[in-house]
Amino acid sequence: MIKKCLFPAAGYGTRFLPATKAMPKEMLPIANKPLIQYGVEEAIEAGCDTMAIVTGRGKRAIEDHFDISYELEHQINGTNKEQSLAGIRTIMQTCRFSYTRQLEMKGLGHAIHTAQTLIGNEPFCVILADDLCVNAPGMGVLRQMVDLYAKYQCCIVAIEEVALAEVHQYGVICGQEIANGVYQVSDMVEKPKSEEAPSNLAVIGRYILTPDIFEVLKNTPPGKNNEIQITDALLQQAQSKLVLAYKFQGKRYDCGNMHGFVQATNDFYHLYAQSH
């Protein structure tokens, strides 16, 4: 039903300097796979077969990762190392990749609007790769949201409860719970102070958006940090039509900071060790 998933991947990853000086933060490895590959696998599980990636200068490694490396393939041909590439080969055979560049870093809303040429006039998913989400096989966070979209046919954001001391790092929603874990959004605020936050329900890096969001973003003025915020565009939509927030099942690792990255690395290493 929803076939395209957008990956905004043009940011500089300054919180991981100097590691990200020459390597995209989306390519940072958790155990033996880069962050963005986990996101692509989640999108495939949700039924997407087209990955649209917004990149920037210095992000060539992302394109190379989802492409054939003839020299490497030749070197490991016939060895037990071939099995290590089985997962990425399956991805490359399962879906298509398209890319466009965000020439200026003007916020997540601007990055999503930049992808209009790749998405066209259809609903689409958005994954922020540094939010690594895990759940039982077949029931990833995006899969849960796609099932919800089938029922409501509207924009949906994933949310989780965070400490009030942390709300200044997120977009925060206010809304009425209309089903178990499903909220009709009435207000959204980008990075509020804790004393001004409408709730502690924070938006994380999973969205389903309808194509009319592009026109809204086109007319959305810069907001917090003088950037075009997807939060502001979704609030505008929520004032005239249904926008939902979904408290997903599963665990999220915020790999955009060192603590979450190390925690994910440790947990995924144990999972990897158990399976080998």
C-alpha atoms as a PDB file:
ATOM      1  CA  MET A   1       0.000   0.000   0.000  1.00  0.00           C
ATOM      2  CA  ILE A   2       2.817   2.405   0.915  1.00  0.00           C
ATOM      3  CA  LYS A   3       5.776   1.608  -1.298  1.00  0.00           C
ATOM      4  CA  LYS A   4       8.265   4.433  -0.715  1.00  0.00           C
ATOM      5  CA  CYS A   5      10.347   5.177   2.353  1.00  0.00           C
ATOM      6  CA  LEU A   6      12.340   8.385   2.699  1.00  0.00           C
ATOM      7  CA  PHE A   7      15.642   8.586   4.559  1.00  0.00           C
ATOM      8  CA  PRO A   8      16.798  12.157   5.297  1.00  0.00           C
ATOM      9  CA  ALA A   9      20.567  11.646   5.490  1.00  0.00           C
ATOM     10  CA  ALA A  10      22.196  14.967   4.721  1.00  0.00           C
ATOM     11  CA  GLY A  11      23.115  16.052   8.253  1.00  0.00           C
ATOM     12  CA  TYR A  12      26.693  16.536   9.389  1.00  0.00           C
ATOM     13  CA  GLY A  13      26.575  14.262  12.454  1.00  0.00           C
ATOM     14  CA  THR A  14      28.518  16.793  14.523  1.00  0.00           C
ATOM     15  CA  ARG A  15      27.865  14.955  17.796  1.00  0.00           C
ATOM     16  CA  PHE A  16      30.139  12.152  16.590  1.00  0.00           C
ATOM     17  CA  LEU A  17      33.068  14.204  15.357  1.00  0.00           C
ATOM     18  CA  PRO A  18      35.769  13.392  14.435  1.00  0.00           C
ATOM     19  CA  ALA A  19      34.367   9.964  13.406  1.00  0.00           C
ATOM     20  CA  THR A  20      31.845  11.637  11.076  1.00  0.00           C
ATOM     21  CA  LYS A  21      34.296  14.080   9.519  1.00  0.00           C
ATOM     22  CA  ALA A  22      34.619  11.847   6.441  1.00  0.00           C
ATOM     23  CA  MET A  23      31.997   9.151   7.139  1.00  0.00           C
ATOM     24  CA  PRO A  24      28.205   9.691   7.165  1.00  0.00           C
ATOM     25  CA  LYS A  25      26.691   9.186  10.616  1.00  0.00           C
ATOM     26  CA  GLU A  26      24.154   6.883   8.941  1.00  0.00           C
ATOM     27  CA  MET A  27      27.040   4.529   8.149  1.00  0.00           C
ATOM     28  CA  LEU A  28      28.184   4.194  11.763  1.00  0.00           C
ATOM     29  CA  PRO A  29      28.074   0.463  12.560  1.00  0.00           C
ATOM     30  CA  ILE A  30      25.945  -1.166  15.220  1.00  0.00           C
ATOM     31  CA  ALA A  31      27.594  -4.588  15.558  1.00  0.00           C
ATOM     32  CA  ASN A  32      28.227  -5.598  11.924  1.00  0.00           C
ATOM     33  CA  LYS A  33      25.724  -3.383  10.057  1.00  0.00           C
ATOM     34  CA  PRO A  34      25.483   0.379   9.496  1.00  0.00           C
ATOM     35  CA  LEU A  35      22.555   2.246  11.010  1.00  0.00           C
ATOM     36  CA  ILE A  36      20.906   2.968   7.680  1.00  0.00           C
ATOM     37  CA  GLN A  37      20.802  -0.733   6.755  1.00  0.00           C
ATOM     38  CA  TYR A  38      18.730  -1.478   9.857  1.00  0.00           C
ATOM     39  CA  GLY A  39      16.337   1.255   8.740  1.00  0.00           C
ATOM     40  CA  VAL A  40      16.082  -0.125   5.212  1.00  0.00           C
ATOM     41  CA  GLU A  41      15.360  -3.594   6.585  1.00  0.00           C
ATOM     42  CA  GLU A  42      12.582  -2.124   8.740  1.00  0.00           C
ATOM     43  CA  ALA A  43      11.120  -0.375   5.694  1.00  0.00           C
ATOM     44  CA  ILE A  44      11.182  -3.586   3.631  1.00  0.00           C
ATOM     45  CA  GLU A  45       9.424  -5.417   6.458  1.00  0.00           C
ATOM     46  CA  ALA A  46       6.721  -2.722   6.337  1.00  0.00           C
ATOM     47  CA  GLY A  47       6.124  -3.371   2.616  1.00  0.00           C
ATOM     48  CA  CYS A  48       8.260  -0.640   1.044  1.00  0.00           C
ATOM     49  CA  ASP A  49      10.261  -1.492  -2.079  1.00  0.00           C
ATOM     50  CA  THR A  50      11.597   1.953  -3.024  1.00  0.00           C
ATOM     51  CA  MET A  51      14.072   3.799  -0.791  1.00  0.00           C
ATOM     52  CA  ALA A  52      14.436   7.535  -1.383  1.00  0.00           C
ATOM     53  CA  ILE A  53      17.509   8.988   0.277  1.00  0.00           C
ATOM     54  CA  VAL A  54      18.260  12.693   0.717  1.00  0.00           C
ATOM     55  CA  THR A  55      22.024  13.058   0.920  1.00  0.00           C
ATOM     56  CA  GLY A  56      24.568  15.843   0.953  1.00  0.00           C
ATOM     57  CA  ARG A  57      28.250  16.424   0.341  1.00  0.00           C
ATOM     58  CA  GLY A  58      30.460  13.667   1.716  1.00  0.00           C
ATOM     59  CA  LYS A  59      27.689  11.047   1.782  1.00  0.00           C
ATOM     60  CA  ARG A  60      28.870   8.911  -1.127  1.00  0.00           C
ATOM     61  CA  ALA A  61      29.469   5.931   1.165  1.00  0.00           C
ATOM     62  CA  ILE A  62      25.695   5.438   1.511  1.00  0.00           C
ATOM     63  CA  GLU A  63      25.286   4.989  -2.244  1.00  0.00           C
ATOM     64  CA  ASP A  64      28.301   2.693  -2.394  1.00  0.00           C
ATOM     65  CA  HIS A  65      26.950   0.534   0.418  1.00  0.00           C
ATOM     66  CA  PHE A  66      23.770  -0.253  -1.506  1.00  0.00           C
ATOM     67  CA  ASP A  67      25.661  -1.078  -4.695  1.00  0.00           C
ATOM     68  CA  ILE A  68      27.762  -3.954  -5.994  1.00  0.00           C
ATOM     69  CA  SER A  69      31.451  -3.919  -5.094  1.00  0.00           C
ATOM     70  CA  TYR A  70      32.983  -6.033  -7.847  1.00  0.00           C
ATOM     71  CA  GLU A  71      36.490  -6.068  -6.404  1.00  0.00           C
ATOM     72  CA  LEU A  72      35.256  -7.127  -2.947  1.00  0.00           C
ATOM     73  CA  GLU A  73      32.927  -9.745  -4.429  1.00  0.00           C
ATOM     74  CA  HIS A  74      35.831 -11.181  -6.425  1.00  0.00           C
ATOM     75  CA  GLN A  75      38.131 -11.292  -3.400  1.00  0.00           C
ATOM     76  CA  ILE A  76      35.692 -13.212  -1.162  1.00  0.00           C
ATOM     77  CA  ASN A  77      34.179 -15.409  -3.875  1.00  0.00           C
ATOM     78  CA  GLY A  78      34.144 -19.023  -2.726  1.00  0.00           C
ATOM     79  CA  THR A  79      35.140 -18.207   0.873  1.00  0.00           C
ATOM     80  CA  ASN A  80      33.076 -18.292   4.062  1.00  0.00           C
ATOM     81  CA  LYS A  81      33.083 -14.469   3.987  1.00  0.00           C
ATOM     82  CA  GLU A  82      30.463 -14.527   1.220  1.00  0.00           C
ATOM     83  CA  GLN A  83      27.774 -15.211   3.789  1.00  0.00           C
ATOM     84  CA  SER A  84      28.507 -11.863   5.431  1.00  0.00           C
ATOM     85  CA  LEU A  85      27.124 -10.099   2.350  1.00  0.00           C
ATOM     86  CA  ALA A  86      23.943 -12.205   2.113  1.00  0.00           C
ATOM     87  CA  GLY A  87      21.806  -9.607   3.876  1.00  0.00           C
ATOM     88  CA  ILE A  88      22.881  -6.634   1.789  1.00  0.00           C
ATOM     89  CA  ARG A  89      22.593  -8.693  -1.431  1.00  0.00           C
ATOM     90  CA  THR A  90      18.985  -9.519  -0.518  1.00  0.00           C
ATOM     91  CA  ILE A  91      18.250  -5.845   0.064  1.00  0.00           C
ATOM     92  CA  MET A  92      19.709  -4.880  -3.304  1.00  0.00           C
ATOM     93  CA  GLN A  93      17.605  -7.535  -5.037  1.00  0.00           C
ATOM     94  CA  THR A  94      14.435  -6.583  -3.122  1.00  0.00           C
ATOM     95  CA  CYS A  95      14.231  -2.840  -3.566  1.00  0.00           C
ATOM     96  CA  ARG A  96      15.338   0.173  -5.564  1.00  0.00           C
ATOM     97  CA  PHE A  97      17.277   3.204  -4.358  1.00  0.00           C
ATOM     98  CA  SER A  98      17.052   6.783  -5.555  1.00  0.00           C
ATOM     99  CA  TYR A  99      18.968   9.807  -4.318  1.00  0.00           C
ATOM    100  CA  THR A 100      18.790  13.564  -4.314  1.00  0.00           C
ATOM    101  CA  ARG A 101      20.910  16.172  -2.544  1.00  0.00           C
ATOM    102  CA  GLN A 102      19.888  18.717   0.058  1.00  0.00           C
ATOM    103  CA  LEU A 103      22.085  21.656  -0.881  1.00  0.00           C
ATOM    104  CA  GLU A 104      21.525  23.578   2.358  1.00  0.00           C
ATOM    105  CA  MET A 105      20.858  22.270   5.876  1.00  0.00           C
ATOM    106  CA  LYS A 106      17.554  23.993   6.653  1.00  0.00           C
ATOM    107  CA  GLY A 107      15.934  21.433   8.909  1.00  0.00           C
ATOM    108  CA  LEU A 108      14.031  18.157   8.654  1.00  0.00           C
ATOM    109  CA  GLY A 109      11.032  19.815   7.017  1.00  0.00           C
ATOM    110  CA  HIS A 110      13.270  21.202   4.279  1.00  0.00           C
ATOM    111  CA  ALA A 111      14.918  17.792   3.769  1.00  0.00           C
ATOM    112  CA  ILE A 112      11.510  16.137   3.361  1.00  0.00           C
ATOM    113  CA  HIS A 113      10.375  18.817   0.918  1.00  0.00           C
ATOM    114  CA  THR A 114      13.607  18.283  -1.058  1.00  0.00           C
ATOM    115  CA  ALA A 115      12.529  14.665  -1.585  1.00  0.00           C
ATOM    116  CA  GLN A 116       9.304  15.572  -3.408  1.00  0.00           C
ATOM    117  CA  THR A 117      10.982  14.832  -6.729  1.00  0.00           C
ATOM    118  CA  LEU A 118      11.657  11.261  -5.532  1.00  0.00           C
ATOM    119  CA  ILE A 119       8.310  10.633  -3.823  1.00  0.00           C
ATOM    120  CA  GLY A 120       5.749  12.139  -6.184  1.00  0.00           C
ATOM    121  CA  ASN A 121       2.052  12.209  -5.350  1.00  0.00           C
ATOM    122  CA  GLU A 122       1.653   9.276  -2.979  1.00  0.00           C
ATOM    123  CA  PRO A 123       1.807   8.566   0.760  1.00  0.00           C
ATOM    124  CA  PHE A 124       5.239   7.642   2.072  1.00  0.00           C
ATOM    125  CA  CYS A 125       7.162   6.625   5.167  1.00  0.00           C
ATOM    126  CA  VAL A 126      10.053   8.494   6.757  1.00  0.00           C
ATOM    127  CA  ILE A 127      12.818   6.885   8.812  1.00  0.00           C
ATOM    128  CA  LEU A 128      15.525   8.794  10.636  1.00  0.00           C
ATOM    129  CA  ALA A 129      18.295   6.205  10.691  1.00  0.00           C
ATOM    130  CA  ASP A 130      19.856   7.327  13.968  1.00  0.00           C
ATOM    131  CA  ASP A 131      16.650   6.289  15.749  1.00  0.00           C
ATOM    132  CA  LEU A 132      17.212   2.526  15.781  1.00  0.00           C
ATOM    133  CA  CYS A 133      13.973   0.694  16.628  1.00  0.00           C
ATOM    134  CA  VAL A 134      13.561  -2.992  17.374  1.00  0.00           C
ATOM    135  CA  ASN A 135      10.607  -5.252  18.069  1.00  0.00           C
ATOM    136  CA  ALA A 136       9.554  -8.844  17.412  1.00  0.00           C
ATOM    137  CA  PRO A 137      10.213 -10.047  13.831  1.00  0.00           C
ATOM    138  CA  GLY A 138       7.405  -9.034  11.502  1.00  0.00           C
ATOM    139  CA  MET A 139       6.161  -6.341  13.867  1.00  0.00           C
ATOM    140  CA  GLY A 140       8.668  -3.531  13.474  1.00  0.00           C
ATOM    141  CA  VAL A 141       7.628   0.008  14.351  1.00  0.00           C
ATOM    142  CA  LEU A 142       7.058   1.021  10.738  1.00  0.00           C
ATOM    143  CA  ARG A 143       5.027  -2.154  10.111  1.00  0.00           C
ATOM    144  CA  GLN A 144       2.781  -1.187  13.028  1.00  0.00           C
ATOM    145  CA  MET A 145       2.337   2.330  11.613  1.00  0.00           C
ATOM    146  CA  VAL A 146       1.536   1.081   8.097  1.00  0.00           C
ATOM    147  CA  ASP A 147      -1.181  -1.144   9.567  1.00  0.00           C
ATOM    148  CA  LEU A 148      -2.564   1.915  11.380  1.00  0.00           C
ATOM    149  CA  TYR A 149      -2.456   3.948   8.151  1.00  0.00           C
ATOM    150  CA  ALA A 150      -4.543   1.278   6.431  1.00  0.00           C
ATOM    151  CA  LYS A 151      -7.312   2.091   8.893  1.00  0.00           C
ATOM    152  CA  TYR A 152      -7.068   5.892   9.155  1.00  0.00           C
ATOM    153  CA  GLN A 153      -5.402   7.062   5.876  1.00  0.00           C
ATOM    154  CA  CYS A 154      -3.742  10.125   7.445  1.00  0.00           C
ATOM    155  CA  CYS A 155      -0.388  11.434   8.632  1.00  0.00           C
ATOM    156  CA  ILE A 156       1.012   9.482  11.585  1.00  0.00           C
ATOM    157  CA  VAL A 157       3.990  10.164  13.862  1.00  0.00           C
ATOM    158  CA  ALA A 158       5.588   7.689  16.256  1.00  0.00           C
ATOM    159  CA  ILE A 159       5.832   8.823  19.869  1.00  0.00           C
ATOM    160  CA  GLU A 160       7.232   7.631  23.162  1.00  0.00           C
ATOM    161  CA  GLU A 161       7.176   8.961  26.701  1.00  0.00           C
ATOM    162  CA  VAL A 162      10.356  10.748  27.735  1.00  0.00           C
ATOM    163  CA  ALA A 163      11.443  12.492  30.919  1.00  0.00           C
ATOM    164  CA  LEU A 164      10.281  16.114  31.103  1.00  0.00           C
ATOM    165  CA  ALA A 165      13.926  17.116  31.415  1.00  0.00           C
ATOM    166  CA  GLU A 166      14.468  15.760  27.883  1.00  0.00           C
ATOM    167  CA  VAL A 167      11.495  17.263  26.013  1.00  0.00           C
ATOM    168  CA  HIS A 168      13.617  20.174  24.784  1.00  0.00           C
ATOM    169  CA  GLN A 169      15.305  17.690  22.414  1.00  0.00           C
ATOM    170  CA  TYR A 170      12.100  16.640  20.634  1.00  0.00           C
ATOM    171  CA  GLY A 171       8.906  17.629  18.952  1.00  0.00           C
ATOM    172  CA  VAL A 172       6.176  17.081  21.550  1.00  0.00           C
ATOM    173  CA  ILE A 173       2.491  16.369  20.935  1.00  0.00           C
ATOM    174  CA  CYS A 174      -0.712  16.962  22.811  1.00  0.00           C
ATOM    175  CA  GLY A 175      -3.815  14.997  21.923  1.00  0.00           C
ATOM    176  CA  GLN A 176      -6.744  12.829  22.881  1.00  0.00           C
ATOM    177  CA  GLU A 177      -6.302   9.059  23.038  1.00  0.00           C
ATOM    178  CA  ILE A 178      -8.870   7.635  20.601  1.00  0.00           C
ATOM    179  CA  ALA A 179      -7.669   4.018  20.733  1.00  0.00           C
ATOM    180  CA  ASN A 180      -5.067   2.094  22.701  1.00  0.00           C
ATOM    181  CA  GLY A 181      -1.819   4.025  22.148  1.00  0.00           C
ATOM    182  CA  VAL A 182      -3.346   6.137  19.341  1.00  0.00           C
ATOM    183  CA  TYR A 183      -3.756   9.886  19.854  1.00  0.00           C
ATOM    184  CA  GLN A 184      -5.535  12.482  17.726  1.00  0.00           C
ATOM    185  CA  VAL A 185      -3.059  15.351  17.654  1.00  0.00           C
ATOM    186  CA  SER A 186      -4.362  18.750  18.731  1.00  0.00           C
ATOM    187  CA  ASP A 187      -1.029  20.481  19.325  1.00  0.00           C
ATOM    188  CA  MET A 188       2.627  19.964  18.437  1.00  0.00           C
ATOM    189  CA  VAL A 189       5.572  21.995  19.694  1.00  0.00           C
ATOM    190  CA  GLU A 190       9.165  21.715  18.506  1.00  0.00           C
ATOM    191  CA  LYS A 191      11.777  21.446  21.281  1.00  0.00           C
ATOM    192  CA  PRO A 192       9.788  23.175  24.055  1.00  0.00           C
ATOM    193  CA  LYS A 193      11.175  24.073  27.463  1.00  0.00           C
ATOM    194  CA  SER A 194      10.102  21.494  30.039  1.00  0.00           C
ATOM    195  CA  GLU A 195       7.796  23.965  31.786  1.00  0.00           C
ATOM    196  CA  GLU A 196       6.104  24.824  28.473  1.00  0.00           C
ATOM    197  CA  ALA A 197       5.735  21.305  27.038  1.00  0.00           C
ATOM    198  CA  PRO A 198       2.121  20.214  26.380  1.00  0.00           C
ATOM    199  CA  SER A 199       3.017  16.638  27.447  1.00  0.00           C
ATOM    200  CA  ASN A 200       5.971  14.268  27.665  1.00  0.00           C
ATOM    201  CA  LEU A 201       4.950  12.430  24.474  1.00  0.00           C
ATOM    202  CA  ALA A 202       7.907  12.959  22.157  1.00  0.00           C
ATOM    203  CA  VAL A 203       8.000  12.406  18.402  1.00  0.00           C
ATOM    204  CA  ILE A 204      10.752  10.005  17.309  1.00  0.00           C
ATOM    205  CA  GLY A 205      12.175   9.299  13.857  1.00  0.00           C
ATOM    206  CA  ARG A 206       9.271   7.413  12.261  1.00  0.00           C
ATOM    207  CA  TYR A 207       6.561   9.113  10.186  1.00  0.00           C
ATOM    208  CA  ILE A 208       3.914   8.298   7.633  1.00  0.00           C
ATOM    209  CA  LEU A 209       3.058  11.358   5.549  1.00  0.00           C
ATOM    210  CA  THR A 210       0.450  12.068   2.904  1.00  0.00           C
ATOM    211  CA  PRO A 211       1.619  13.859  -0.266  1.00  0.00           C
ATOM    212  CA  ASP A 212      -0.210  17.106   0.562  1.00  0.00           C
ATOM    213  CA  ILE A 213       2.523  17.652   3.172  1.00  0.00           C
ATOM    214  CA  PHE A 214       4.765  18.958   0.375  1.00  0.00           C
ATOM    215  CA  GLU A 215       2.502  21.942  -0.312  1.00  0.00           C
ATOM    216  CA  VAL A 216       2.256  22.641   3.416  1.00  0.00           C
ATOM    217  CA  LEU A 217       6.039  22.510   3.781  1.00  0.00           C
ATOM    218  CA  LYS A 218       6.474  24.805   0.796  1.00  0.00           C
ATOM    219  CA  ASN A 219       4.540  27.474   2.691  1.00  0.00           C
ATOM    220  CA  THR A 220       5.894  26.757   6.184  1.00  0.00           C
ATOM    221  CA  PRO A 221       8.122  29.590   7.461  1.00  0.00           C
ATOM    222  CA  PRO A 222      11.315  28.816   9.397  1.00  0.00           C
ATOM    223  CA  GLY A 223      10.629  28.007  13.043  1.00  0.00           C
ATOM    224  CA  LYS A 224      12.828  26.756  15.867  1.00  0.00           C
ATOM    225  CA  ASN A 225      16.546  27.333  15.169  1.00  0.00           C
ATOM    226  CA  ASN A 226      15.484  29.184  12.000  1.00  0.00           C
ATOM    227  CA  GLU A 227      14.825  25.825  10.320  1.00  0.00           C
ATOM    228  CA  ILE A 228      11.776  24.501   8.479  1.00  0.00           C
ATOM    229  CA  GLN A 229      10.264  22.088  10.968  1.00  0.00           C
ATOM    230  CA  ILE A 230       8.103  19.103  10.007  1.00  0.00           C
ATOM    231  CA  THR A 231       6.453  19.618  13.421  1.00  0.00           C
ATOM    232  CA  ASP A 232       5.098  23.015  12.311  1.00  0.00           C
ATOM    233  CA  ALA A 233       3.780  21.584   9.045  1.00  0.00           C
ATOM    234  CA  LEU A 234       2.052  18.685  10.796  1.00  0.00           C
ATOM    235  CA  LEU A 235       0.477  21.051  13.332  1.00  0.00           C
ATOM    236  CA  GLN A 236      -0.965  23.043  10.449  1.00  0.00           C
ATOM    237  CA  GLN A 237      -2.431  19.831   9.039  1.00  0.00           C
ATOM    238  CA  ALA A 238      -3.796  18.812  12.434  1.00  0.00           C
ATOM    239  CA  GLN A 239      -5.812  22.023  12.580  1.00  0.00           C
ATOM    240  CA  SER A 240      -7.827  21.065   9.500  1.00  0.00           C
ATOM    241  CA  LYS A 241      -7.633  17.269   9.256  1.00  0.00           C
ATOM    242  CA  LEU A 242      -6.761  14.145  11.181  1.00  0.00           C
ATOM    243  CA  VAL A 243      -3.148  13.684  12.303  1.00  0.00           C
ATOM    244  CA  LEU A 244      -2.342  10.767  14.596  1.00  0.00           C
ATOM    245  CA  ALA A 245       0.432  10.009  17.065  1.00  0.00           C
ATOM    246  CA  TYR A 246       1.141   6.369  17.834  1.00  0.00           C
ATOM    247  CA  LYS A 247       2.806   5.043  20.982  1.00  0.00           C
ATOM    248  CA  PHE A 248       4.592   2.149  19.323  1.00  0.00           C
ATOM    249  CA  GLN A 249       5.489  -1.273  20.669  1.00  0.00           C
ATOM    250  CA  GLY A 250       9.203  -1.979  20.800  1.00  0.00           C
ATOM    251  CA  LYS A 251      12.425  -0.351  21.919  1.00  0.00           C
ATOM    252  CA  ARG A 252      14.127   2.697  20.482  1.00  0.00           C
ATOM    253  CA  TYR A 253      17.807   3.504  20.726  1.00  0.00           C
ATOM    254  CA  ASP A 254      18.759   7.134  20.186  1.00  0.00           C
ATOM    255  CA  CYS A 255      21.950   6.500  18.243  1.00  0.00           C
ATOM    256  CA  GLY A 256      22.299  10.203  17.566  1.00  0.00           C
ATOM    257  CA  ASN A 257      24.080  10.489  20.915  1.00  0.00           C
ATOM    258  CA  MET A 258      26.958   8.547  22.410  1.00  0.00           C
ATOM    259  CA  HIS A 259      24.985   6.936  25.243  1.00  0.00           C
ATOM    260  CA  GLY A 260      22.308   5.475  22.973  1.00  0.00           C
ATOM    261  CA  PHE A 261      24.873   4.407  20.384  1.00  0.00           C
ATOM    262  CA  VAL A 262      26.944   2.487  22.934  1.00  0.00           C
ATOM    263  CA  GLN A 263      23.842   0.918  24.493  1.00  0.00           C
ATOM    264  CA  ALA A 264      22.659  -0.261  21.059  1.00  0.00           C
ATOM    265  CA  THR A 265      26.113  -1.604  20.214  1.00  0.00           C
ATOM    266  CA  ASN A 266      26.243  -3.632  23.429  1.00  0.00           C
ATOM    267  CA  ASP A 267      22.706  -5.021  23.055  1.00  0.00           C
ATOM    268  CA  PHE A 268      23.098  -5.889  19.379  1.00  0.00           C
ATOM    269  CA  TYR A 269      26.476  -7.496  20.016  1.00  0.00           C
ATOM    270  CA  HIS A 270      24.831  -9.886  22.476  1.00  0.00           C
ATOM    271  CA  LEU A 271      22.103 -10.665  19.949  1.00  0.00           C
ATOM    272  CA  TYR A 272      24.753 -11.258  17.279  1.00  0.00           C
ATOM    273  CA  ALA A 273      26.795 -13.480  19.591  1.00  0.00           C
ATOM    274  CA  GLN A 274      23.734 -15.579  20.462  1.00  0.00           C
ATOM    275  CA  SER A 275      22.894 -16.135  16.772  1.00  0.00           C
ATOM    276  CA  HIS A 276      26.458 -17.185  15.923  1.00  0.00           C
END
